[in-house]
Protein backbone atom coordinates (compact mmCIF):
# COMPACT_ATOMS: atom_id res chain seq x y z
CA MET A 1 -172.24 162.06 29.65
CA PHE A 2 -170.32 158.96 28.59
CA LYS A 3 -170.93 155.70 30.39
CA ARG A 4 -168.11 154.11 32.38
CA ASN A 5 -166.09 151.67 30.23
CA SER A 6 -167.92 152.76 27.05
CA THR A 7 -165.90 152.87 23.82
CA VAL A 8 -165.30 156.52 22.98
CA HIS A 9 -163.74 157.87 19.78
CA LEU A 10 -162.46 161.39 19.30
CA THR A 11 -161.89 163.51 16.20
CA LEU A 12 -159.14 166.11 16.60
CA THR A 13 -158.66 169.07 14.25
CA LEU A 14 -155.71 171.47 14.39
CA LEU A 15 -156.29 174.92 12.89
CA SER A 16 -153.51 177.34 11.97
CA GLU A 17 -153.33 181.00 13.01
CA GLU A 18 -156.28 183.37 12.82
CA VAL A 19 -156.33 185.66 9.78
CA ASN A 20 -158.37 188.69 8.75
CA LEU A 21 -160.66 188.16 5.76
CA VAL A 22 -163.18 190.21 3.79
CA THR A 23 -166.49 188.95 2.39
CA LYS A 24 -167.02 189.11 -1.38
CA GLY A 25 -169.89 191.56 -1.05
CA ASP A 26 -172.10 189.77 -3.59
CA GLU A 27 -175.33 190.37 -1.68
CA ASN A 28 -174.29 192.84 1.03
CA PRO A 29 -171.52 195.41 1.42
CA PRO A 30 -168.12 193.75 2.13
CA PHE A 31 -167.18 193.46 5.78
CA ASN A 32 -164.12 192.25 7.66
CA TYR A 33 -164.05 189.15 9.83
CA SER A 34 -161.54 186.73 11.41
CA ASP A 35 -161.29 183.00 10.74
CA ARG A 36 -158.88 180.05 10.73
CA PRO A 37 -159.33 178.59 7.22
CA ASN A 38 -156.06 176.62 7.18
CA VAL A 39 -156.34 173.12 8.67
CA LEU A 40 -153.02 171.49 9.59
CA PHE A 41 -154.32 168.10 10.76
CA ARG A 42 -157.57 166.17 11.17
CA GLY A 43 -157.61 162.66 12.62
CA ASN A 44 -159.22 160.16 14.96
CA ALA A 45 -158.13 158.79 18.33
CA SER A 46 -159.48 156.28 20.83
CA VAL A 47 -160.25 157.52 24.34
CA ASN A 48 -159.38 155.47 27.43
CA GLN A 49 -160.79 156.66 30.76
CA GLY A 50 -160.99 160.21 29.49
CA LEU A 51 -157.46 160.28 28.08
CA PHE A 52 -156.21 160.08 24.50
CA GLU A 53 -152.88 160.31 22.71
CA LEU A 54 -152.40 161.16 19.05
CA GLN A 55 -149.15 161.67 17.15
CA PHE A 56 -148.72 163.34 13.77
CA ILE A 57 -146.14 165.22 11.68
CA MET A 58 -146.74 168.89 10.95
CA PRO A 59 -146.72 169.88 7.26
CA LYS A 60 -143.48 171.25 5.86
CA ASN A 61 -145.17 174.50 4.88
CA ILE A 62 -146.00 175.53 8.44
CA PRO A 63 -144.83 179.12 9.04
CA ALA A 64 -141.19 179.44 10.11
CA GLN A 65 -142.23 181.94 12.77
CA PHE A 66 -144.23 180.83 15.79
CA ILE A 67 -148.00 181.11 15.50
CA THR A 68 -150.99 180.49 17.74
CA GLY A 69 -153.05 177.48 16.69
CA LYS A 70 -156.39 176.09 17.82
CA PHE A 71 -157.42 172.52 18.60
CA LEU A 72 -161.02 171.38 18.09
CA ALA A 73 -162.11 168.06 19.59
CA SER A 74 -165.37 166.15 19.31
CA ALA A 75 -165.95 162.83 21.08
CA PHE A 76 -168.74 160.30 20.62
CA ASP A 77 -169.73 156.76 21.58
CA LYS A 78 -171.97 154.08 20.06
CA ASP A 79 -174.95 155.21 22.17
CA GLY A 80 -174.99 158.63 20.51
CA ASN A 81 -173.47 160.56 23.40
CA PHE A 82 -171.45 163.53 22.18
CA ALA A 83 -169.00 166.07 23.60
CA ASN A 84 -167.01 169.02 22.21
CA GLY A 85 -163.86 170.78 23.37
CA VAL A 86 -161.56 173.63 22.31
CA ALA A 87 -157.95 174.43 23.20
CA LEU A 88 -156.67 177.92 22.34
CA ASN A 89 -153.31 179.69 22.47
CA ASN A 90 -151.27 176.70 21.32
CA GLN A 91 -147.83 177.89 20.23
CA MET A 92 -146.47 176.18 17.12
CA GLY A 93 -144.12 176.92 14.29
CA GLY A 94 -140.43 176.90 13.46
CA LEU A 95 -138.52 174.34 11.45
CA GLU A 96 -136.79 171.13 12.53
CA PRO A 97 -133.03 171.77 12.09
CA SER A 98 -132.26 168.17 11.03
CA PRO A 99 -135.49 166.59 9.76
CA ILE A 100 -135.60 162.93 8.73
CA PRO A 101 -135.52 162.96 4.91
CA ASP A 102 -138.59 161.80 2.99
CA ASN A 103 -138.70 161.82 -0.80
CA THR A 104 -141.42 159.17 -1.21
CA PRO A 105 -144.89 160.33 -2.34
CA PRO A 106 -148.11 158.95 -0.82
CA GLN A 107 -149.82 155.75 -1.92
CA ILE A 108 -153.35 156.31 -3.26
CA GLN A 109 -156.12 153.73 -3.63
CA LEU A 110 -159.04 155.21 -5.52
CA PHE A 111 -162.58 153.86 -5.90
CA LEU A 112 -166.13 154.83 -6.86
CA GLY A 113 -168.93 153.97 -4.45
CA ASP A 114 -166.92 151.73 -2.11
CA THR A 115 -163.62 149.89 -1.86
CA THR A 116 -164.85 146.85 -3.83
CA PHE A 117 -165.04 148.92 -7.04
CA ILE A 118 -162.75 147.82 -9.88
CA SER A 119 -161.41 150.31 -12.42
CA GLY A 120 -163.56 150.25 -15.56
CA GLY A 121 -166.73 149.33 -13.66
CA ILE A 122 -170.12 151.00 -13.97
CA VAL A 123 -171.83 153.50 -11.68
CA GLY A 124 -175.05 155.46 -11.73
CA PRO A 125 -175.26 159.23 -12.29
CA ASN A 126 -174.95 159.75 -8.53
CA THR A 127 -172.09 158.06 -6.69
CA LYS A 128 -169.14 159.08 -4.50
CA ILE A 129 -165.37 159.19 -4.51
CA VAL A 130 -163.76 156.83 -2.00
CA ALA A 131 -160.01 157.10 -1.44
CA LYS A 132 -157.58 155.43 0.95
CA LEU A 133 -154.22 157.15 1.40
CA PHE A 134 -150.96 156.14 3.08
CA ASP A 135 -147.67 157.87 3.76
CA GLU A 136 -145.04 157.36 6.45
CA SER A 137 -145.12 161.11 7.13
CA GLY A 138 -148.88 161.56 6.89
CA ILE A 139 -151.03 163.39 4.36
CA ASN A 140 -150.92 167.18 3.89
CA ILE A 141 -154.31 168.92 4.15
CA SER A 142 -152.92 172.42 4.57
CA SER A 143 -154.12 175.04 2.09
CA ASP A 144 -151.53 177.72 2.82
CA PRO A 145 -149.54 178.11 0.68
CA THR A 146 -151.61 176.56 -2.09
CA GLY A 147 -150.41 173.73 -4.29
CA ASN A 148 -150.37 170.80 -1.88
CA GLU A 149 -154.11 170.27 -1.35
CA ILE A 150 -155.91 167.00 -2.01
CA THR A 151 -157.54 167.61 -5.39
CA ALA A 152 -159.66 165.66 -7.86
CA SER A 153 -160.85 166.12 -11.42
CA ILE A 154 -162.90 164.19 -13.96
CA ASP A 155 -161.49 163.84 -17.48
CA ASN A 156 -158.87 166.50 -16.64
CA GLY A 157 -161.62 169.08 -16.22
CA SER A 158 -162.18 171.51 -13.38
CA THR A 159 -160.31 170.68 -10.18
CA PHE A 160 -162.09 170.50 -6.82
CA ILE A 161 -160.37 170.48 -3.42
CA LEU A 162 -161.08 167.62 -0.98
CA ASN A 163 -159.07 168.68 2.09
CA ASP A 164 -162.22 169.02 4.21
CA TYR A 165 -163.18 165.39 3.56
CA TYR A 166 -159.94 163.70 4.65
CA TYR A 167 -159.50 162.08 8.07
CA SER A 168 -156.57 160.06 9.32
CA ASP A 169 -157.43 156.60 10.65
CA LEU A 170 -158.01 155.75 14.29
CA ASP A 171 -154.75 156.22 16.25
CA ASN A 172 -152.73 156.25 13.02
CA TYR A 173 -151.71 159.46 11.26
CA LYS A 174 -150.00 157.54 8.43
CA THR A 175 -153.22 156.23 6.86
CA GLY A 176 -156.53 157.88 6.18
CA PHE A 177 -159.60 158.05 4.02
CA LEU A 178 -162.02 160.41 2.32
CA THR A 179 -165.46 160.19 0.73
CA PHE A 180 -166.92 162.87 -1.53
CA PRO A 181 -170.31 162.84 -3.34
CA LEU A 182 -170.44 162.97 -7.14
CA ASP A 183 -173.89 163.82 -8.51
CA GLY A 184 -175.25 164.43 -11.98
CA LEU A 185 -172.52 162.56 -13.85
CA GLU A 186 -172.86 162.40 -17.61
CA LYS A 187 -173.45 159.07 -19.34
CA GLY A 188 -170.35 157.42 -20.82
CA LYS A 189 -166.73 156.61 -20.04
CA HIS A 190 -164.77 158.83 -17.66
CA THR A 191 -161.50 158.98 -15.76
CA LEU A 192 -161.23 160.27 -12.21
CA THR A 193 -157.86 161.63 -11.10
CA LEU A 194 -156.96 162.33 -7.48
CA SER A 195 -153.76 163.99 -6.28
CA ALA A 196 -152.34 164.33 -2.77
CA SER A 197 -149.11 165.38 -1.04
CA ASP A 198 -147.49 164.15 2.13
CA THR A 199 -146.37 166.53 4.87
CA TYR A 200 -142.99 166.85 3.09
CA ASN A 201 -144.86 168.02 -0.04
CA ASN A 202 -144.04 164.91 -2.10
CA ARG A 203 -146.96 164.60 -4.52
CA ALA A 204 -148.70 161.53 -5.99
CA PHE A 205 -151.53 160.90 -8.47
CA GLY A 206 -154.10 158.12 -8.66
CA THR A 207 -156.63 157.39 -11.40
CA VAL A 208 -159.65 155.17 -11.85
CA ASP A 209 -161.78 154.62 -14.96
CA PHE A 210 -165.55 154.25 -14.77
CA VAL A 211 -168.64 154.13 -16.95
CA VAL A 212 -171.82 156.03 -16.08
CA THR A 213 -175.04 154.28 -17.07
CA GLU A 214 -178.06 156.09 -18.44
CA GLY A 215 -180.81 157.05 -16.03
CA ASP A 216 -181.26 156.25 -12.36
CA GLN A 217 -182.36 152.61 -12.72
CA ILE A 218 -180.23 150.05 -10.91
CA GLN A 219 -177.96 148.13 -13.28
CA ILE A 220 -176.26 144.76 -12.74
CA GLU A 221 -172.84 145.07 -14.30
CA GLU A 222 -171.75 141.45 -13.92
CA PHE A 223 -173.31 138.27 -12.51
CA SER A 224 -170.77 135.45 -12.22
CA ASN A 225 -169.63 132.48 -10.18
CA TYR A 226 -166.25 131.02 -9.32
CA PRO A 227 -164.91 128.50 -9.84
CA ASN A 228 -166.74 127.74 -13.07
CA PRO A 229 -166.86 124.89 -14.08
CA PHE A 230 -166.98 123.43 -10.55
CA TYR A 231 -167.15 120.09 -8.76
CA GLU A 232 -168.12 120.58 -5.11
CA SER A 233 -169.37 124.16 -4.89
CA THR A 234 -169.23 127.60 -6.46
CA VAL A 235 -169.60 131.16 -5.13
CA LEU A 236 -172.08 133.49 -6.83
CA GLU A 237 -171.49 137.23 -6.84
CA PHE A 238 -172.54 140.34 -8.75
CA THR A 239 -171.60 144.00 -9.21
CA HIS A 240 -174.10 146.84 -9.56
CA THR A 241 -174.55 150.61 -9.74
CA ARG A 242 -176.29 151.29 -6.41
CA SER A 243 -173.59 150.62 -3.81
CA GLY A 244 -174.66 151.66 -0.33
CA GLU A 245 -178.35 150.90 -0.87
CA ASP A 246 -180.38 148.08 0.68
CA LEU A 247 -181.27 145.44 -1.90
CA GLU A 248 -183.70 142.56 -2.27
CA VAL A 249 -182.15 139.80 -4.38
CA TYR A 250 -183.80 136.77 -5.99
CA LEU A 251 -181.67 133.88 -7.23
CA THR A 252 -183.12 131.15 -9.45
CA ILE A 253 -181.25 128.08 -10.77
CA LEU A 254 -182.77 126.47 -13.87
CA ASP A 255 -181.88 123.66 -16.23
CA LEU A 256 -181.63 124.30 -19.97
CA ALA A 257 -185.25 123.24 -20.42
CA GLY A 258 -186.34 126.06 -18.11
CA LYS A 259 -187.24 123.86 -15.13
CA VAL A 260 -186.67 125.62 -11.80
CA ILE A 261 -184.11 123.74 -9.67
CA LEU A 262 -183.70 126.17 -6.79
CA ASN A 263 -185.13 129.51 -5.59
CA GLN A 264 -183.50 131.68 -2.95
CA THR A 265 -184.21 135.20 -1.64
CA PHE A 266 -181.65 137.48 0.04
CA GLU A 267 -181.71 140.89 1.67
CA VAL A 268 -178.45 142.81 1.27
CA PHE A 269 -178.19 145.81 3.58
CA SER A 270 -175.82 148.71 2.81
CA SER A 271 -174.68 146.81 -0.26
CA GLN A 272 -171.20 147.14 -1.67
CA TYR A 273 -170.40 147.53 -5.36
CA ARG A 274 -169.36 143.85 -5.41
CA VAL A 275 -171.79 141.60 -3.55
CA THR A 276 -170.83 138.04 -2.64
CA LEU A 277 -174.25 136.43 -2.59
CA THR A 278 -173.95 132.76 -1.62
CA GLU A 279 -172.04 129.51 -2.06
CA TRP A 280 -174.01 126.89 -4.00
CA ASP A 281 -173.21 123.19 -3.60
CA GLY A 282 -174.73 122.10 -6.93
CA LYS A 283 -177.84 120.59 -5.29
CA SER A 284 -181.53 121.11 -5.91
CA ALA A 285 -183.98 122.50 -3.35
CA SER A 286 -184.65 118.93 -2.19
CA GLY A 287 -180.94 118.30 -1.59
CA THR A 288 -180.36 116.12 -4.67
CA LYS A 289 -176.93 116.44 -6.28
CA LEU A 290 -177.42 117.59 -9.87
CA SER A 291 -175.91 115.67 -12.76
CA GLN A 292 -173.07 116.99 -14.85
CA GLY A 293 -174.08 119.68 -17.30
CA VAL A 294 -174.86 123.32 -17.93
CA TYR A 295 -177.41 125.18 -15.81
CA LEU A 296 -178.63 128.77 -15.79
CA GLY A 297 -178.52 131.21 -12.92
CA LYS A 298 -181.05 134.04 -13.00
CA LEU A 299 -180.43 137.04 -10.76
CA SER A 300 -183.11 139.65 -10.03
CA VAL A 301 -182.13 142.69 -7.96
CA ARG A 302 -184.49 145.33 -6.55
CA SER A 303 -183.48 148.47 -4.71
CA LEU A 304 -185.41 148.90 -1.47
CA LEU A 305 -184.85 152.66 -1.77
CA ASP A 306 -187.00 153.29 -4.85
CA GLY A 307 -188.04 149.86 -6.20
CA SER A 308 -185.74 150.03 -9.23
CA LYS A 309 -185.17 146.53 -10.70
CA ASN A 310 -182.76 144.72 -12.98
CA GLU A 311 -181.97 141.10 -13.83
CA GLN A 312 -179.24 139.09 -15.50
CA TYR A 313 -178.36 135.47 -16.35
CA THR A 314 -175.14 133.43 -16.11
CA LYS A 315 -174.13 129.86 -17.00
CA LEU A 316 -173.20 127.39 -14.26
CA ILE A 317 -171.23 124.34 -15.36
CA ILE A 318 -171.18 121.30 -13.05
CA LEU A 319 -168.48 118.62 -13.43
CA ASN A 320 -168.92 115.25 -11.68
């Protein structure tokens, strides 16, 4: 039961007609069964006083004849309340006699780990694909006929289908996202390619380069600050291979003689690939403005998941 005035979100899935299928018979004799394997739309909507409205464009490859589809709905709120619903016998099909033309393929933004990832960055052996997609006509996740699915491959190798992982954004069928786990990646440089079609079957490709580090230890890819050199203040940030994990971070500022100027400790929960740590005003722990010169920043990062550690240094140049 949802509370009055609670914020409720709903995920709506539209399935195509029911078809007869046969099991492979690998472990038992083959047998016939019915299913709806072809998904025509999956998206999210906000619910207001029990009502919701969601618009979308059907894929071009919907059958010309009328078929009976099925809607699945699941609603939830921030308190963990949950509800399901089904609507059967929905008639759909046919073709629009004068459709609005669309010859523009989707726009694809592709990342590893999270949306702060930059092409060429490093990841651990276990990470995930993150993709943001946009098209005025929406993204096609239909698998019948084949050829317009959302697919991905690494180094032009085997292709895997990601239709089941794509959701349109809240109250907006034009934009959407997907996440897909990648485990057991081999050490070295790789290229990830993702391809998707819009509901008019215009197809686009996106690529991102990445480097897999050896082993499961957390790695700091880059520790830097900007601006550098600086007068008033500078922002310190770092990138790493364990995006999504909770981190404990130690920052130490030293002079070139090794004297500690400042120590700070941070906890970073659900960390992103690129972490903006803090803004430093060029002062010591006692609040004294440091003189012009070169200082060292030491960064130590520990994963709170398994205790894995790594550290790195950077130069900080103060101008007065």
